[in-house]
């Protein structure tokens, strides 16, 4: 599996381009603000063809370029139905400070031409790869993670965690649609049961692993002690 990740935009949101190898179809995950140029560079350098855009949740820093990227490559966008409204109305998921900052510009939003909805434990076959969807509400009501088999370098899977889990931290729950109790249930039900060797590729910051976070992440440690 080929994975190219890069931080994009003022929020440093990690965008990932995933394929079986050079010259193949690919999947783009979370193309946020200013991510389109980075996607184009990866696609050109590795001769890839985007066929799907996966969205971990509807916050604007993760979906700003979903419509442009999907439109450029005639790709299908995938999002959980609870966050789908944010594709056309991202202001509904923003803090007042972020909304005020963005209102200074002239921004218009619209769904991509082809949008499909995700469901918990769905198995997507895209670009020759399999992605298992886990619905993980808490950061937003429609937050999801994507897990894909890896089977290289003693790694069984990679998990694209969005803003559910970071290296040493977890996603905030104080924005519209956030719910701390649901976040804890998602972490307990969808993260703690996973194998330690799974590599976590988060929406912000450095990559980590389930084992590392189980051992060092204070939020998971406290949750594990409560179970």
C-alpha atoms as a PDB file:
ATOM      1  CA  UNK A   1       0.000   0.000   0.000  1.00  0.00           C
ATOM      2  CA  UNK A   2       1.179   3.492  -0.901  1.00  0.00           C
ATOM      3  CA  UNK A   3       0.220   6.326   1.507  1.00  0.00           C
ATOM      4  CA  UNK A   4       1.220   9.952   0.991  1.00  0.00           C
ATOM      5  CA  UNK A   5       0.208  12.355   3.751  1.00  0.00           C
ATOM      6  CA  UNK A   6       0.763  16.080   4.086  1.00  0.00           C
ATOM      7  CA  UNK A   7      -0.535  18.881   6.358  1.00  0.00           C
ATOM      8  CA  UNK A   8      -2.550  21.506   4.519  1.00  0.00           C
ATOM      9  CA  UNK A   9      -3.972  24.932   5.241  1.00  0.00           C
ATOM     10  CA  UNK A  10      -3.956  27.176   8.304  1.00  0.00           C
ATOM     11  CA  UNK A  11      -5.176  24.376  10.559  1.00  0.00           C
ATOM     12  CA  UNK A  12      -2.468  21.923   9.481  1.00  0.00           C
ATOM     13  CA  UNK A  13      -5.011  19.272   8.583  1.00  0.00           C
ATOM     14  CA  UNK A  14      -3.490  16.012   7.397  1.00  0.00           C
ATOM     15  CA  UNK A  15      -4.671  14.983   3.936  1.00  0.00           C
ATOM     16  CA  UNK A  16      -3.876  11.446   2.767  1.00  0.00           C
ATOM     17  CA  UNK A  17      -3.655   9.934  -0.705  1.00  0.00           C
ATOM     18  CA  UNK A  18      -3.857   6.123  -0.612  1.00  0.00           C
ATOM     19  CA  UNK A  19      -3.280   3.623  -3.426  1.00  0.00           C
ATOM     20  CA  UNK A  20      -2.074   0.084  -4.031  1.00  0.00           C
ATOM     21  CA  UNK A  21       0.968   1.547  -5.769  1.00  0.00           C
ATOM     22  CA  UNK A  22       2.169   3.938  -8.486  1.00  0.00           C
ATOM     23  CA  UNK A  23       0.045   4.175 -11.608  1.00  0.00           C
ATOM     24  CA  UNK A  24      -3.099   2.973  -9.836  1.00  0.00           C
ATOM     25  CA  UNK A  25      -6.446   4.365  -8.809  1.00  0.00           C
ATOM     26  CA  UNK A  26      -6.363   6.102  -5.413  1.00  0.00           C
ATOM     27  CA  UNK A  27      -8.474   7.382  -2.553  1.00  0.00           C
ATOM     28  CA  UNK A  28      -8.119  10.876  -1.062  1.00  0.00           C
ATOM     29  CA  UNK A  29      -8.931  11.286   2.638  1.00  0.00           C
ATOM     30  CA  UNK A  30      -9.828  14.657   4.197  1.00  0.00           C
ATOM     31  CA  UNK A  31      -8.774  17.245   1.594  1.00  0.00           C
ATOM     32  CA  UNK A  32      -9.057  20.385   3.721  1.00  0.00           C
ATOM     33  CA  UNK A  33      -8.206  24.000   2.967  1.00  0.00           C
ATOM     34  CA  UNK A  34      -5.382  24.395   0.451  1.00  0.00           C
ATOM     35  CA  UNK A  35      -5.145  20.610  -0.020  1.00  0.00           C
ATOM     36  CA  UNK A  36      -6.071  20.516  -3.723  1.00  0.00           C
ATOM     37  CA  UNK A  37      -2.591  21.532  -4.869  1.00  0.00           C
ATOM     38  CA  UNK A  38      -0.951  18.899  -2.683  1.00  0.00           C
ATOM     39  CA  UNK A  39      -3.290  16.228  -4.002  1.00  0.00           C
ATOM     40  CA  UNK A  40      -2.538  17.272  -7.574  1.00  0.00           C
ATOM     41  CA  UNK A  41       1.202  17.041  -6.932  1.00  0.00           C
ATOM     42  CA  UNK A  42       1.004  13.542  -5.428  1.00  0.00           C
ATOM     43  CA  UNK A  43      -1.323  12.358  -8.200  1.00  0.00           C
ATOM     44  CA  UNK A  44       0.962  13.721 -10.911  1.00  0.00           C
ATOM     45  CA  UNK A  45       4.211  12.407  -9.405  1.00  0.00           C
ATOM     46  CA  UNK A  46       2.870   8.902  -8.886  1.00  0.00           C
ATOM     47  CA  UNK A  47       0.538   8.716 -11.911  1.00  0.00           C
ATOM     48  CA  UNK A  48      -2.556   8.134  -9.783  1.00  0.00           C
ATOM     49  CA  UNK A  49      -6.262   8.448 -10.553  1.00  0.00           C
ATOM     50  CA  UNK A  50      -8.494   9.562  -7.626  1.00  0.00           C
ATOM     51  CA  UNK A  51     -11.786   7.679  -7.659  1.00  0.00           C
ATOM     52  CA  UNK A  52     -13.088   8.409  -4.153  1.00  0.00           C
ATOM     53  CA  UNK A  53     -12.836  11.133  -1.517  1.00  0.00           C
ATOM     54  CA  UNK A  54     -13.393   9.928   2.054  1.00  0.00           C
ATOM     55  CA  UNK A  55     -14.368  12.436   4.744  1.00  0.00           C
ATOM     56  CA  UNK A  56     -13.802  11.571   8.409  1.00  0.00           C
ATOM     57  CA  UNK A  57     -16.155  14.367   9.504  1.00  0.00           C
ATOM     58  CA  UNK A  58     -17.733  17.531   8.209  1.00  0.00           C
ATOM     59  CA  UNK A  59     -15.625  20.256   9.817  1.00  0.00           C
ATOM     60  CA  UNK A  60     -14.425  22.774   7.270  1.00  0.00           C
ATOM     61  CA  UNK A  61     -10.734  22.131   7.924  1.00  0.00           C
ATOM     62  CA  UNK A  62     -11.272  18.562   6.686  1.00  0.00           C
ATOM     63  CA  UNK A  63     -13.724  19.105   3.825  1.00  0.00           C
ATOM     64  CA  UNK A  64     -12.873  22.524   2.331  1.00  0.00           C
ATOM     65  CA  UNK A  65     -11.548  20.974  -0.894  1.00  0.00           C
ATOM     66  CA  UNK A  66     -13.826  17.926  -1.090  1.00  0.00           C
ATOM     67  CA  UNK A  67     -15.966  19.384  -3.878  1.00  0.00           C
ATOM     68  CA  UNK A  68     -13.014  20.762  -5.907  1.00  0.00           C
ATOM     69  CA  UNK A  69     -11.037  17.503  -5.646  1.00  0.00           C
ATOM     70  CA  UNK A  70     -14.063  15.299  -6.371  1.00  0.00           C
ATOM     71  CA  UNK A  71     -15.036  17.521  -9.285  1.00  0.00           C
ATOM     72  CA  UNK A  72     -11.560  17.661 -10.798  1.00  0.00           C
ATOM     73  CA  UNK A  73     -11.191  13.883 -10.927  1.00  0.00           C
ATOM     74  CA  UNK A  74     -14.868  12.886 -11.261  1.00  0.00           C
ATOM     75  CA  UNK A  75     -14.565  11.089  -7.921  1.00  0.00           C
ATOM     76  CA  UNK A  76     -17.254   9.989  -5.465  1.00  0.00           C
ATOM     77  CA  UNK A  77     -17.380  11.684  -2.049  1.00  0.00           C
ATOM     78  CA  UNK A  78     -18.236   9.603   1.021  1.00  0.00           C
ATOM     79  CA  UNK A  79     -19.471  11.076   4.327  1.00  0.00           C
ATOM     80  CA  UNK A  80     -21.651   9.951   7.240  1.00  0.00           C
ATOM     81  CA  UNK A  81     -25.267  11.145   6.882  1.00  0.00           C
ATOM     82  CA  UNK A  82     -25.154  12.960  10.240  1.00  0.00           C
ATOM     83  CA  UNK A  83     -22.455  15.291   8.872  1.00  0.00           C
ATOM     84  CA  UNK A  84     -23.621  15.496   5.273  1.00  0.00           C
ATOM     85  CA  UNK A  85     -25.366  18.842   5.815  1.00  0.00           C
ATOM     86  CA  UNK A  86     -21.959  20.374   6.596  1.00  0.00           C
ATOM     87  CA  UNK A  87     -20.793  19.881   3.010  1.00  0.00           C
ATOM     88  CA  UNK A  88     -23.164  22.647   1.931  1.00  0.00           C
ATOM     89  CA  UNK A  89     -23.279  24.551   5.248  1.00  0.00           C
ATOM     90  CA  UNK A  90     -19.916  24.174   7.021  1.00  0.00           C
ATOM     91  CA  UNK A  91     -20.612  27.236   9.168  1.00  0.00           C
ATOM     92  CA  UNK A  92     -23.036  25.068  11.159  1.00  0.00           C
ATOM     93  CA  UNK A  93     -20.102  23.105  12.553  1.00  0.00           C
ATOM     94  CA  UNK A  94     -17.769  25.994  13.370  1.00  0.00           C
ATOM     95  CA  UNK A  95     -16.909  27.902  16.470  1.00  0.00           C
ATOM     96  CA  UNK A  96     -17.914  31.598  16.525  1.00  0.00           C
ATOM     97  CA  UNK A  97     -14.233  32.578  16.248  1.00  0.00           C
ATOM     98  CA  UNK A  98     -13.664  30.484  13.131  1.00  0.00           C
ATOM     99  CA  UNK A  99     -16.902  31.676  11.581  1.00  0.00           C
ATOM    100  CA  UNK A 100     -15.927  35.309  12.165  1.00  0.00           C
ATOM    101  CA  UNK A 101     -12.512  34.728  10.584  1.00  0.00           C
ATOM    102  CA  UNK A 102     -13.979  33.125   7.464  1.00  0.00           C
ATOM    103  CA  UNK A 103     -16.781  35.623   7.027  1.00  0.00           C
ATOM    104  CA  UNK A 104     -14.186  38.116   5.858  1.00  0.00           C
ATOM    105  CA  UNK A 105     -13.923  36.219   2.563  1.00  0.00           C
ATOM    106  CA  UNK A 106     -16.380  35.362  -0.161  1.00  0.00           C
ATOM    107  CA  UNK A 107     -16.919  31.633   0.220  1.00  0.00           C
ATOM    108  CA  UNK A 108     -19.571  29.494  -1.414  1.00  0.00           C
ATOM    109  CA  UNK A 109     -20.220  25.853  -0.628  1.00  0.00           C
ATOM    110  CA  UNK A 110     -21.961  23.029  -2.434  1.00  0.00           C
ATOM    111  CA  UNK A 111     -22.059  19.256  -2.332  1.00  0.00           C
ATOM    112  CA  UNK A 112     -20.008  17.364  -4.901  1.00  0.00           C
ATOM    113  CA  UNK A 113     -22.001  15.912  -7.768  1.00  0.00           C
ATOM    114  CA  UNK A 114     -21.744  12.343  -6.416  1.00  0.00           C
ATOM    115  CA  UNK A 115     -22.116  11.904  -2.644  1.00  0.00           C
ATOM    116  CA  UNK A 116     -22.642   8.562  -0.925  1.00  0.00           C
ATOM    117  CA  UNK A 117     -23.316   7.949   2.737  1.00  0.00           C
ATOM    118  CA  UNK A 118     -21.270   5.902   5.183  1.00  0.00           C
ATOM    119  CA  UNK A 119     -22.615   3.542   7.844  1.00  0.00           C
ATOM    120  CA  UNK A 120     -21.070   1.867  10.862  1.00  0.00           C
ATOM    121  CA  UNK A 121     -19.014  -1.247  10.037  1.00  0.00           C
ATOM    122  CA  UNK A 122     -19.516  -0.790   6.292  1.00  0.00           C
ATOM    123  CA  UNK A 123     -16.767  -2.373   4.192  1.00  0.00           C
ATOM    124  CA  UNK A 124     -15.873  -0.240   1.195  1.00  0.00           C
ATOM    125  CA  UNK A 125     -14.003  -1.712  -1.778  1.00  0.00           C
ATOM    126  CA  UNK A 126     -12.319   1.294  -3.384  1.00  0.00           C
ATOM    127  CA  UNK A 127      -9.344   1.540  -5.755  1.00  0.00           C
ATOM    128  CA  UNK A 128      -8.460  -2.097  -5.106  1.00  0.00           C
ATOM    129  CA  UNK A 129      -8.399  -1.613  -1.326  1.00  0.00           C
ATOM    130  CA  UNK A 130     -10.759  -2.328   1.552  1.00  0.00           C
ATOM    131  CA  UNK A 131     -11.772   0.276   4.120  1.00  0.00           C
ATOM    132  CA  UNK A 132     -13.798  -0.594   7.210  1.00  0.00           C
ATOM    133  CA  UNK A 133     -15.895   2.290   8.514  1.00  0.00           C
ATOM    134  CA  UNK A 134     -16.328   2.834  12.253  1.00  0.00           C
ATOM    135  CA  UNK A 135     -18.907   5.428  13.291  1.00  0.00           C
ATOM    136  CA  UNK A 136     -17.284   7.344  16.169  1.00  0.00           C
ATOM    137  CA  UNK A 137     -19.521  10.246  17.262  1.00  0.00           C
ATOM    138  CA  UNK A 138     -18.230  12.725  19.807  1.00  0.00           C
ATOM    139  CA  UNK A 139     -16.148  15.248  17.909  1.00  0.00           C
ATOM    140  CA  UNK A 140     -19.112  15.570  15.560  1.00  0.00           C
ATOM    141  CA  UNK A 141     -22.229  13.436  15.335  1.00  0.00           C
ATOM    142  CA  UNK A 142     -21.104  12.005  11.990  1.00  0.00           C
ATOM    143  CA  UNK A 143     -17.430  11.390  12.764  1.00  0.00           C
ATOM    144  CA  UNK A 144     -15.995   8.154  11.387  1.00  0.00           C
ATOM    145  CA  UNK A 145     -12.654   6.412  11.133  1.00  0.00           C
ATOM    146  CA  UNK A 146     -11.387   4.248   8.290  1.00  0.00           C
ATOM    147  CA  UNK A 147      -9.323   1.088   8.814  1.00  0.00           C
ATOM    148  CA  UNK A 148      -7.504  -0.664   5.994  1.00  0.00           C
ATOM    149  CA  UNK A 149      -5.397  -3.861   6.029  1.00  0.00           C
ATOM    150  CA  UNK A 150      -1.692  -3.166   5.749  1.00  0.00           C
ATOM    151  CA  UNK A 151       0.249  -6.364   6.530  1.00  0.00           C
ATOM    152  CA  UNK A 152       3.685  -4.790   6.179  1.00  0.00           C
ATOM    153  CA  UNK A 153       6.426  -4.142   8.741  1.00  0.00           C
ATOM    154  CA  UNK A 154       4.514  -5.984  11.484  1.00  0.00           C
ATOM    155  CA  UNK A 155       1.480  -3.730  11.011  1.00  0.00           C
ATOM    156  CA  UNK A 156      -1.928  -5.389  10.582  1.00  0.00           C
ATOM    157  CA  UNK A 157      -3.937  -2.259   9.721  1.00  0.00           C
ATOM    158  CA  UNK A 158      -3.730   1.478   9.322  1.00  0.00           C
ATOM    159  CA  UNK A 159      -6.462   3.635  10.821  1.00  0.00           C
ATOM    160  CA  UNK A 160      -7.294   7.086   9.511  1.00  0.00           C
ATOM    161  CA  UNK A 161      -8.633   8.500  12.760  1.00  0.00           C
ATOM    162  CA  UNK A 162      -9.727  11.999  11.755  1.00  0.00           C
ATOM    163  CA  UNK A 163     -10.189  14.046  14.919  1.00  0.00           C
ATOM    164  CA  UNK A 164     -11.114  11.112  17.147  1.00  0.00           C
ATOM    165  CA  UNK A 165      -7.601  10.193  18.276  1.00  0.00           C
ATOM    166  CA  UNK A 166      -4.286  12.034  18.128  1.00  0.00           C
ATOM    167  CA  UNK A 167      -0.796  11.254  19.377  1.00  0.00           C
ATOM    168  CA  UNK A 168      -1.193  11.939  23.097  1.00  0.00           C
ATOM    169  CA  UNK A 169      -4.654  13.458  22.883  1.00  0.00           C
ATOM    170  CA  UNK A 170      -8.220  13.171  21.574  1.00  0.00           C
ATOM    171  CA  UNK A 171     -10.542  15.427  19.605  1.00  0.00           C
ATOM    172  CA  UNK A 172     -12.278  18.399  21.182  1.00  0.00           C
ATOM    173  CA  UNK A 173     -15.979  18.203  21.935  1.00  0.00           C
ATOM    174  CA  UNK A 174     -16.849  21.871  22.548  1.00  0.00           C
ATOM    175  CA  UNK A 175     -17.824  22.715  18.952  1.00  0.00           C
ATOM    176  CA  UNK A 176     -21.374  22.470  17.551  1.00  0.00           C
ATOM    177  CA  UNK A 177     -22.324  18.796  17.373  1.00  0.00           C
ATOM    178  CA  UNK A 178     -19.676  17.751  19.888  1.00  0.00           C
ATOM    179  CA  UNK A 179     -20.545  15.486  22.822  1.00  0.00           C
ATOM    180  CA  UNK A 180     -17.931  14.445  25.384  1.00  0.00           C
ATOM    181  CA  UNK A 181     -19.880  11.442  26.675  1.00  0.00           C
ATOM    182  CA  UNK A 182     -20.255  10.120  23.131  1.00  0.00           C
ATOM    183  CA  UNK A 183     -16.558  10.704  22.514  1.00  0.00           C
ATOM    184  CA  UNK A 184     -15.670   8.543  25.505  1.00  0.00           C
ATOM    185  CA  UNK A 185     -18.050   5.811  24.327  1.00  0.00           C
ATOM    186  CA  UNK A 186     -16.494   5.908  20.856  1.00  0.00           C
ATOM    187  CA  UNK A 187     -12.993   5.607  22.288  1.00  0.00           C
ATOM    188  CA  UNK A 188     -14.037   2.758  24.574  1.00  0.00           C
ATOM    189  CA  UNK A 189     -15.966   0.865  21.920  1.00  0.00           C
ATOM    190  CA  UNK A 190     -13.972   1.552  18.760  1.00  0.00           C
ATOM    191  CA  UNK A 191     -10.372   2.230  19.852  1.00  0.00           C
ATOM    192  CA  UNK A 192      -9.581   0.257  22.988  1.00  0.00           C
ATOM    193  CA  UNK A 193     -10.526  -3.137  21.440  1.00  0.00           C
ATOM    194  CA  UNK A 194      -8.105  -2.661  18.526  1.00  0.00           C
ATOM    195  CA  UNK A 195      -4.743  -4.407  18.175  1.00  0.00           C
ATOM    196  CA  UNK A 196      -1.666  -2.592  19.443  1.00  0.00           C
ATOM    197  CA  UNK A 197       0.152  -2.881  16.102  1.00  0.00           C
ATOM    198  CA  UNK A 198      -2.367  -0.739  14.206  1.00  0.00           C
ATOM    199  CA  UNK A 199      -0.794   2.478  12.915  1.00  0.00           C
ATOM    200  CA  UNK A 200      -2.931   5.566  13.550  1.00  0.00           C
ATOM    201  CA  UNK A 201      -2.841   8.340  10.939  1.00  0.00           C
ATOM    202  CA  UNK A 202      -4.653  11.255  12.592  1.00  0.00           C
ATOM    203  CA  UNK A 203      -6.290  14.371  11.232  1.00  0.00           C
ATOM    204  CA  UNK A 204      -3.621  16.574  12.844  1.00  0.00           C
ATOM    205  CA  UNK A 205      -0.094  15.936  14.068  1.00  0.00           C
ATOM    206  CA  UNK A 206       2.211  12.958  13.861  1.00  0.00           C
ATOM    207  CA  UNK A 207       1.341   9.328  13.297  1.00  0.00           C
ATOM    208  CA  UNK A 208       1.150   6.985  16.245  1.00  0.00           C
ATOM    209  CA  UNK A 209      -0.115   3.481  17.065  1.00  0.00           C
ATOM    210  CA  UNK A 210      -2.878   1.967  19.132  1.00  0.00           C
ATOM    211  CA  UNK A 211      -0.292   0.371  21.443  1.00  0.00           C
ATOM    212  CA  UNK A 212       1.528   3.651  22.000  1.00  0.00           C
ATOM    213  CA  UNK A 213      -1.693   5.484  22.752  1.00  0.00           C
ATOM    214  CA  UNK A 214      -2.975   2.742  25.028  1.00  0.00           C
ATOM    215  CA  UNK A 215       0.249   3.019  27.029  1.00  0.00           C
ATOM    216  CA  UNK A 216       0.801   6.797  27.024  1.00  0.00           C
ATOM    217  CA  UNK A 217      -2.357   8.689  26.084  1.00  0.00           C
ATOM    218  CA  UNK A 218      -3.831   9.982  29.365  1.00  0.00           C
ATOM    219  CA  UNK A 219      -7.361  10.025  27.962  1.00  0.00           C
ATOM    220  CA  UNK A 220      -7.220   6.369  26.927  1.00  0.00           C
ATOM    221  CA  UNK A 221      -5.387   5.375  30.102  1.00  0.00           C
ATOM    222  CA  UNK A 222      -8.038   6.946  32.305  1.00  0.00           C
ATOM    223  CA  UNK A 223     -10.781   5.388  30.195  1.00  0.00           C
ATOM    224  CA  UNK A 224      -9.151   1.961  30.361  1.00  0.00           C
ATOM    225  CA  UNK A 225      -8.966   2.191  34.139  1.00  0.00           C
ATOM    226  CA  UNK A 226     -12.680   2.964  34.320  1.00  0.00           C
ATOM    227  CA  UNK A 227     -13.738  -0.100  32.322  1.00  0.00           C
END
